[in-house]
Every structure is written in C-alpha cells, then in structure tokens.
C-alpha cells in the first residue's frame, strides 16, 4: 500500500458491545469468532474514577481511563472507511511503538468517547501517556463558574447620578482553580489565576479592577467610593427599558505543569462573564423662590 499521511493525532475507536471483557477491537481489527486481533493490557485510571479529581475549585464530573493496547509496531493505520482515511489510508505514529486507548465518561458514567493515543518515552526507559493528552483531560475537568456580580445600590433598586456605585464579586470567587489528570507515571496539572475584572457599565464606560472589589457595608458614607466603583453622569432613562446593561468579565491566566520533563507552560487566557441591569435616576434640586 502507498504511504499515507503521517499524523500525530488520536483516532476514534468504536467499541463493540459483544467484545469479551478486557478486549477492545480496533477499526479494521476484525473479530473472527469474537476474538479481537488487539487486546487490552495494563489498565490504569485517570481522575480517580467517577467524579474526577481536582483542587482549588477545579474538578469536573467526567473522567477517563487509559488501557495499553497490543499493536504491531510504531505505525498504526486507520483503514479506509473507518474515520475518513481516504484511498491512501490514514496513519499515526508512536515513537515508542506503544499505544493506549483512552475511554472517557461523563458525570453519569456514560461513555462519550474512545480514542487511540500514542505513548511517549518517560525519560527513564519506560512509556507514559503523552502529557499533551492528559492536559486536555485536565482542562475538561477545570470548572470556573461565571462571576457572582454584586453592586450597591443593589440590582432592583435605583442608583443616583453622581453617587458612586460599588462593584464587587461576592463570596470566595477570587482564588486560583486547578485540575489534575494522571495516568500511570504521568500527570498534567492546569492552574487558573484570576487577574482582572472589567466592568462595562452600560453608559460607554469600562472600569477595570485588579481584584474582586470591596463589599459595601452600612457603615460606609453614602458618597464614598471604593477601590472598584463607578459614578454615573447621566440617568438611564434613555437606555433600553430604562436601565443600563452592565457586564463584568473576569480574565484568568492559565498555565500547566507535568511530571514528565519538558512539558508545561502558559496557555490561552480564560474569561467568564455575568450581566445585570441597573436603573440610574437623577435627583433635581428645587430652587427656593422666596
């Protein structure tokens, strides 16, 4: 067969419901008499099974398992018609000549994917799951909710032109979040740190705060400002429904590390946004005609 396209990607594997326990037929690995030509060995789990693992606010409900496959050599062919290989076939390579099947499940324990991935050299003569694959698992388990937008005067009441509106994120939202995925001797840990909160106030102004802001208390003077506040210069009467549309977007800096040397670094930032509507009124002073 002519040489195909060499790719370092994962391949979708359809699991046969009739396969014997501990055996996974691959695409093109026909099961004459129910016996697959590739079998599973050395099962290892990721994420601690159902529920996953994660720390500091991370941790999703899904999880994955990895099981090493007995495949013939460093090149694996996905046959024509089984994943879009085309006339010349689709190939993947493994520098170690070893492979694993990654089975992923949702929070209800239902399988959502099954993918063949290469194993890489662990630097000590063994083979481990590629940390880049584990990175995707960790990112999928990282859970960062939308920010708990809070203002004073509170949503549902009227703010006043010229009086500071206090802005903050309630609760313990402003803290790092992390998630770890492990398989065998390899792991990847993703960490996200909140770095800024940009408040679009609906009047064309944006307030950027380096932290969560300071909660308002009744002891605060009415005209006092905070480290994260905004003063409206006009009422919201001309805005849709008579209220300004406010949105706060929190930016998270994301990085990752691995127990395998040479892997890790900075990733793209993540953002989370919450919205609210604020009514702003203007108090007219009455002149004394005496």
Protein backbone atom coordinates (compact mmCIF):
# COMPACT_ATOMS: atom_id res chain seq x y z
CA UNK A 1 0.00 0.00 0.00
CA UNK A 2 1.25 3.51 -0.78
CA UNK A 3 2.50 5.64 2.10
CA UNK A 4 -0.29 7.63 3.69
CA UNK A 5 -0.43 10.87 5.54
CA UNK A 6 1.57 10.75 8.78
CA UNK A 7 -0.33 12.33 11.61
CA UNK A 8 0.18 12.63 15.37
CA UNK A 9 -3.48 12.71 16.24
CA UNK A 10 -5.83 10.50 18.20
CA UNK A 11 -8.13 8.11 16.35
CA UNK A 12 -11.74 7.35 17.21
CA UNK A 13 -12.32 3.76 18.20
CA UNK A 14 -15.77 2.21 18.17
CA UNK A 15 -16.14 -0.32 20.97
CA UNK A 16 -18.05 -3.49 20.18
CA UNK A 17 -20.68 -4.35 22.77
CA UNK A 18 -20.10 -8.06 22.18
CA UNK A 19 -16.36 -7.94 22.90
CA UNK A 20 -15.10 -10.14 25.72
CA UNK A 21 -14.08 -8.38 28.94
CA UNK A 22 -10.63 -6.82 28.69
CA UNK A 23 -10.53 -6.80 24.88
CA UNK A 24 -11.06 -3.89 22.54
CA UNK A 25 -11.38 -4.45 18.76
CA UNK A 26 -9.82 -1.60 16.78
CA UNK A 27 -11.06 -0.29 13.45
CA UNK A 28 -10.10 -2.90 10.89
CA UNK A 29 -9.18 -5.45 13.59
CA UNK A 30 -11.83 -7.99 12.68
CA UNK A 31 -13.20 -10.23 15.42
CA UNK A 32 -13.35 -13.63 13.74
CA UNK A 33 -15.26 -15.80 16.17
CA UNK A 34 -15.44 -12.93 18.66
CA UNK A 35 -11.67 -12.85 19.27
CA UNK A 36 -10.16 -9.40 18.54
CA UNK A 37 -6.69 -9.12 16.99
CA UNK A 38 -5.72 -6.41 19.52
CA UNK A 39 -6.19 -6.85 23.24
CA UNK A 40 -6.06 -4.60 26.27
CA UNK A 41 -3.32 -4.86 28.88
CA UNK A 42 -2.22 -2.91 31.94
CA UNK A 43 -5.35 -0.86 32.72
CA UNK A 44 -4.67 2.42 34.54
CA UNK A 45 -7.21 5.03 35.61
CA UNK A 46 -7.30 8.80 35.36
CA UNK A 47 -9.16 11.21 37.60
CA UNK A 48 -9.82 8.71 40.35
CA UNK A 49 -12.78 7.17 38.55
CA UNK A 50 -16.29 8.69 38.56
CA UNK A 51 -16.32 12.27 39.80
CA UNK A 52 -12.80 13.12 38.62
CA UNK A 53 -10.20 14.85 40.71
CA UNK A 54 -9.27 18.48 41.01
CA UNK A 55 -8.34 21.03 43.59
CA UNK A 56 -8.83 24.67 44.42
CA UNK A 57 -12.18 24.98 42.71
CA UNK A 58 -11.46 22.56 39.86
CA UNK A 59 -12.71 19.07 39.26
CA UNK A 60 -15.49 18.12 36.90
CA UNK A 61 -17.88 15.19 36.91
CA UNK A 62 -16.33 13.33 33.97
CA UNK A 63 -13.31 11.04 33.94
CA UNK A 64 -11.17 8.98 31.57
CA UNK A 65 -9.32 5.66 31.75
CA UNK A 66 -6.27 4.53 29.77
CA UNK A 67 -5.51 0.95 28.77
CA UNK A 68 -2.39 -0.06 26.87
CA UNK A 69 -3.03 -1.81 23.57
CA UNK A 70 -1.01 -4.54 21.90
CA UNK A 71 -0.47 -3.03 18.45
CA UNK A 72 2.02 -4.20 15.81
CA UNK A 73 4.78 -1.58 15.81
CA UNK A 74 5.12 2.21 15.83
CA UNK A 75 2.81 2.86 12.84
CA UNK A 76 -0.92 2.37 13.14
CA UNK A 77 -3.20 2.52 10.10
CA UNK A 78 -6.80 3.63 10.30
CA UNK A 79 -8.32 1.70 7.38
CA UNK A 80 -10.29 3.31 4.58
CA UNK A 81 -13.89 3.97 5.56
CA UNK A 82 -13.12 3.91 9.29
CA UNK A 83 -12.59 7.57 10.17
CA UNK A 84 -12.04 9.17 6.79
CA UNK A 85 -8.65 7.64 5.94
CA UNK A 86 -9.26 8.04 2.22
CA UNK A 87 -7.90 5.92 -0.59
CA UNK A 88 -4.30 6.07 0.65
CA UNK A 89 -5.17 5.41 4.28
CA UNK A 90 -4.58 7.46 7.41
CA UNK A 91 -1.65 6.71 9.68
CA UNK A 92 -0.47 7.65 13.15
CA UNK A 93 2.96 7.16 14.65
CA UNK A 94 4.26 6.28 18.10
CA UNK A 95 7.93 6.98 18.83
CA UNK A 96 7.91 4.21 21.44
CA UNK A 97 5.91 1.75 19.36
CA UNK A 98 3.35 1.60 22.18
CA UNK A 99 -0.26 2.75 22.24
CA UNK A 100 -3.19 3.16 24.63
CA UNK A 101 -6.93 3.52 24.26
CA UNK A 102 -8.45 6.47 26.10
CA UNK A 103 -12.05 5.87 27.23
CA UNK A 104 -13.87 8.94 28.59
CA UNK A 105 -17.12 9.04 30.54
CA UNK A 106 -19.45 11.85 31.59
CA UNK A 107 -20.60 12.60 35.13
CA UNK A 108 -23.33 9.96 34.78
CA UNK A 109 -20.83 7.21 33.95
CA UNK A 110 -21.89 7.11 30.28
CA UNK A 111 -19.08 6.63 27.77
CA UNK A 112 -18.69 9.63 25.48
CA UNK A 113 -15.52 8.81 23.53
CA UNK A 114 -12.92 6.14 22.87
CA UNK A 115 -9.66 7.22 21.23
CA UNK A 116 -6.30 5.60 20.43
CA UNK A 117 -3.32 7.70 21.58
CA UNK A 118 0.46 7.11 21.38
CA UNK A 119 2.57 6.51 24.46
CA UNK A 120 5.81 8.53 24.74
CA UNK A 121 9.19 7.89 26.35
CA UNK A 122 9.17 8.82 30.03
CA UNK A 123 12.90 9.57 30.00
CA UNK A 124 13.72 6.51 32.06
CA UNK A 125 13.27 3.74 29.54
CA UNK A 126 9.52 3.36 30.05
CA UNK A 127 6.49 4.72 28.24
CA UNK A 128 3.73 7.00 29.52
CA UNK A 129 0.63 8.69 28.13
CA UNK A 130 1.56 11.91 26.30
CA UNK A 131 1.14 14.80 28.79
CA UNK A 132 -0.48 16.83 26.00
CA UNK A 133 -3.32 14.29 26.01
CA UNK A 134 -3.57 14.50 29.80
CA UNK A 135 -3.61 18.29 29.50
CA UNK A 136 -6.85 18.14 27.51
CA UNK A 137 -8.35 15.91 30.20
CA UNK A 138 -7.34 18.35 32.93
CA UNK A 139 -8.75 21.32 31.01
CA UNK A 140 -12.05 19.49 30.58
CA UNK A 141 -12.21 18.95 34.35
CA UNK A 142 -11.38 22.56 35.23
CA UNK A 143 -14.58 24.24 36.39
CA UNK A 144 -14.68 28.05 36.63
CA UNK A 145 -18.19 29.46 37.13
CA UNK A 146 -19.46 32.84 35.97
CA UNK A 147 -18.59 35.65 38.39
CA UNK A 148 -21.09 36.46 41.19
CA UNK A 149 -21.75 40.07 40.14
CA UNK A 150 -22.72 42.30 43.10
CA UNK A 151 -23.32 46.05 43.26
CA UNK A 152 -24.53 48.65 45.72
CA UNK A 153 -27.12 50.12 45.40
CA UNK A 154 -28.26 46.57 44.63
CA UNK A 155 -29.84 45.37 41.41
CA UNK A 156 -33.57 46.16 41.50
CA UNK A 157 -33.15 49.49 43.26
CA UNK A 158 -32.19 52.86 41.81
CA UNK A 159 -28.69 54.28 41.77
CA UNK A 160 -28.24 58.04 41.60
CA UNK A 161 -26.31 60.21 39.18
CA UNK A 162 -23.15 61.47 40.88
CA UNK A 163 -23.16 58.87 43.67
CA UNK A 164 -20.58 56.02 43.47
CA UNK A 165 -21.86 52.56 42.64
CA UNK A 166 -19.76 49.93 44.44
CA UNK A 167 -18.74 46.90 42.35
CA UNK A 168 -17.50 43.58 43.69
CA UNK A 169 -17.58 39.82 43.26
CA UNK A 170 -19.28 38.13 46.17
CA UNK A 171 -18.03 35.12 48.10
CA UNK A 172 -14.68 33.40 47.62
CA UNK A 173 -14.65 33.69 43.85
CA UNK A 174 -11.25 35.40 43.56
CA UNK A 175 -8.93 32.43 44.11
CA UNK A 176 -6.97 30.01 41.99
CA UNK A 177 -8.56 26.92 40.47
CA UNK A 178 -6.76 23.78 39.35
CA UNK A 179 -7.35 20.30 37.99
CA UNK A 180 -5.03 17.33 37.52
CA UNK A 181 -5.21 14.36 35.17
CA UNK A 182 -2.95 11.34 35.75
CA UNK A 183 -2.29 8.04 34.04
CA UNK A 184 0.40 5.62 35.14
CA UNK A 185 3.55 7.61 35.84
CA UNK A 186 2.48 10.81 34.07
CA UNK A 187 0.27 13.71 35.12
CA UNK A 188 -0.71 17.16 33.90
CA UNK A 189 -1.96 19.93 36.19
CA UNK A 190 -3.76 23.04 34.95
CA UNK A 191 -3.91 26.13 37.16
CA UNK A 192 -6.02 29.25 36.54
CA UNK A 193 -5.49 32.55 38.40
CA UNK A 194 -7.93 35.50 38.23
CA UNK A 195 -6.03 38.62 37.13
CA UNK A 196 -8.59 41.32 36.31
CA UNK A 197 -12.29 42.19 36.25
CA UNK A 198 -13.54 44.52 33.51
CA UNK A 199 -16.91 46.13 34.29
CA UNK A 200 -18.80 47.53 31.30
CA UNK A 201 -21.24 49.94 32.92
CA UNK A 202 -23.66 50.44 30.03
CA UNK A 203 -23.00 54.17 29.72
CA UNK A 204 -19.98 53.72 27.47
CA UNK A 205 -17.53 53.50 30.36
CA UNK A 206 -15.47 50.48 31.48
CA UNK A 207 -14.00 50.08 34.96
CA UNK A 208 -11.04 47.65 35.17
CA UNK A 209 -10.23 46.33 38.63
CA UNK A 210 -7.19 44.26 39.62
CA UNK A 211 -9.12 42.40 42.29
CA UNK A 212 -12.63 41.36 43.31
CA UNK A 213 -13.56 44.77 44.74
CA UNK A 214 -14.63 45.65 48.27
CA UNK A 215 -18.07 44.69 49.61
CA UNK A 216 -20.20 47.64 50.68
CA UNK A 217 -21.32 47.83 54.33
CA UNK A 218 -23.92 50.08 56.01
CA UNK A 219 -21.10 51.88 57.85
CA UNK A 220 -19.85 53.35 54.55
CA UNK A 221 -20.65 57.00 53.88
CA UNK A 222 -23.21 57.38 51.03
CA UNK A 223 -20.85 59.39 48.81
CA UNK A 224 -17.74 57.24 49.44
CA UNK A 225 -16.05 55.40 46.59
CA UNK A 226 -14.28 52.03 46.75
CA UNK A 227 -11.26 50.50 45.03
CA UNK A 228 -13.72 49.29 42.37
CA UNK A 229 -16.62 51.67 41.80
CA UNK A 230 -18.25 53.85 39.15
CA UNK A 231 -20.03 57.20 39.11
CA UNK A 232 -22.79 57.66 36.54
CA UNK A 233 -23.00 61.12 34.97
CA UNK A 234 -26.40 60.68 33.36
CA UNK A 235 -29.59 58.76 34.13
CA UNK A 236 -30.58 55.54 32.41
CA UNK A 237 -33.87 56.93 31.10
CA UNK A 238 -32.59 56.84 27.50
CA UNK A 239 -31.34 53.24 27.72
CA UNK A 240 -33.44 50.23 26.62
CA UNK A 241 -36.12 49.54 29.26
CA UNK A 242 -34.78 52.50 31.19
CA UNK A 243 -31.81 50.53 32.61
CA UNK A 244 -28.10 50.31 31.80
CA UNK A 245 -26.86 46.87 30.74
CA UNK A 246 -23.88 46.04 32.96
CA UNK A 247 -21.43 43.20 32.33
CA UNK A 248 -18.38 42.07 34.29
CA UNK A 249 -15.76 39.89 32.57
CA UNK A 250 -13.10 38.19 34.68
CA UNK A 251 -9.88 37.17 32.93
CA UNK A 252 -8.00 34.11 34.19
CA UNK A 253 -4.32 33.45 33.41
CA UNK A 254 -3.86 29.73 32.75
CA UNK A 255 -0.70 27.62 32.91
CA UNK A 256 0.15 23.95 33.20
CA UNK A 257 2.85 21.64 34.53
CA UNK A 258 3.64 17.96 34.09
CA UNK A 259 5.58 15.30 35.93
CA UNK A 260 7.17 14.44 32.58
CA UNK A 261 10.22 16.67 31.93
CA UNK A 262 9.96 19.16 29.09
CA UNK A 263 6.20 19.67 29.24
CA UNK A 264 4.25 22.65 30.60
CA UNK A 265 3.97 26.40 30.13
CA UNK A 266 1.42 29.16 29.63
CA UNK A 267 -1.93 28.59 27.92
CA UNK A 268 -4.53 30.95 26.48
CA UNK A 269 -6.43 33.07 28.99
CA UNK A 270 -9.95 32.08 30.03
CA UNK A 271 -12.78 34.57 30.59
CA UNK A 272 -16.08 34.36 32.42
CA UNK A 273 -18.88 36.95 32.21
CA UNK A 274 -22.00 37.86 34.19
CA UNK A 275 -24.59 40.54 33.41
CA UNK A 276 -27.19 42.70 35.16
CA UNK A 277 -29.35 45.76 34.50
CA UNK A 278 -29.10 48.90 36.62
CA UNK A 279 -31.55 51.77 36.87
CA UNK A 280 -29.94 55.18 37.42
CA UNK A 281 -32.06 58.18 38.42
CA UNK A 282 -31.26 61.86 38.60
CA UNK A 283 -32.40 63.98 41.53
CA UNK A 284 -33.42 67.51 40.53
CA UNK A 285 -32.75 70.25 43.06
CA UNK A 286 -35.68 72.59 43.69
CA UNK A 287 -34.84 76.29 43.88
CA UNK A 288 -36.34 78.39 46.73
CA UNK A 289 -38.38 81.16 45.03
CA UNK A 290 -38.62 83.36 48.15
